[in-house]
Amino acid sequence: MRRVLVLGSTGSIGKQTLDVACRLPHRLQIVGLATYRDYKALSNQATSLGVRIVGLIEPPPNASIAGLTLYAGVEGLCAMAQRADVDIVVVALGGAIALQPTLAALEAGKTVALATKEVLVAAGEVVMRTARQYDAPLLPIDSEHSGAFQAMLAGKREQVARLILTASGGPFRTRSLDTFNAITVEEALKHPNWDMGAKITVDSATMMNKGLEVIEAQHLFGLELEQVEVLIHPQSIVHALVEFVDGSVIGQLSLPDMRLPIQYALLYPDRVDIALPRLRLEQVGALSFETPDPARYPCLELAYAAARVGGTMTTVLNAANEVAVRAFLKHQIRFTDIPRLVEQVMAAHAPQPATLENALAADRWAREYLQKSLPTHAL
């Protein structure tokens, strides 16, 4: 029995993790739940699952849940991640705020199932160094990185020539560029294939999501930036392709269902049947691929640019994007302002070497810098 703590239990990945665990009651036990501030949803989850350990990053004043142990703040989640009765920590909190709980789990030697790509974008060198130091497994939950992880098992890491991550292209893949200034929040939240949270759905529309995944893959798999490429694949069936030095290309295919990579990370290296929908290629028909258009997806280019600089530049990229997307969701800025503002913050940043202290400082600086530039009222 593997005992699982879910950080971000009320979000999309968190809920699907709970669904996987409920399908495998003899293999997985949920022992702790945590979220950002959704006190009511967290309480309901704890009650329905019989969980007694919960955490809130921003608990309401005088918060307490009868019969439960409540951990508060980022420090509280770090303490949860190091509990002796936890084997696996699922990190599904949105944004770089998940960095410190992830490090705490790794320092305690826990297996970390990572869905929050911003953790490796903000401080990838620090995180991977910590995982190695404490011999703590770090397994990806992202569909693309899970697919890459599985495909890489076909050969040795040093035999990998190229990793190709796929992207759906989002809802605006064929939309006329001269109408991008008119894109609404509602339109940006209509992903063609995946059911995800608001922030990651907007990131998919800008393809910043894929840019962050490129940086994540660099750290996770120890690859050079030039070895990680992106192709648009509208069907979202092929999640990653690994080309080996002999020219063989191994891919991982499945329906766009996050429960599959979640299950793989929680049970690795085992595979079991939990009655998920199966891929039928004869029903899918054609699988197509295309190169991303830089004019349509400037955020992808910004991510590559940040990765080339390295250090805290990727931290700033991520922090500025989080602030810009939040402003877009609040109708404070236009969709096309997101890459413009991120680039503006990157241009103002003097990158520092990758340490935890530098990453935390750069994250704070970027958020404060951009926040001062934002309008205070909706458009």
Foldseek 3Di string as FASTA:
>chain_A
DAEEAEEALVFPLNVLLVVLCVLPVVQYAHAEYEYAEPVVVQLVVCVVRVHQEYEYQDYDPPDDDPNHDYFYHLVRLLVVLLDPNHAEYEQDYEACSSQNSLLSNLLSQHAYAYAHLNNCLLFLVANLVSNVVSVHHYHYLPLLRLFVVVQPVVDPLVQWQAKEFEALLFQCNPPDPVCQQVDALVSQQDGPADDGDSLVSNCSNLVLNVLSVLSSCCRVSVDDSVRYHYKYKNQQFWGMWTAGNVGDIGTHGWGPDSSVSSVVSSDPPDDDDSPDDTDDDVVVDDIDIHHDDCSSRVSSVCSSVQVVVDANLSLLLRLLLVLLSVCSNQQQHGSVVNVVRSVVLSVVDDGDHRDPVSSVVSSVVSNVVSVVVTDPDHD
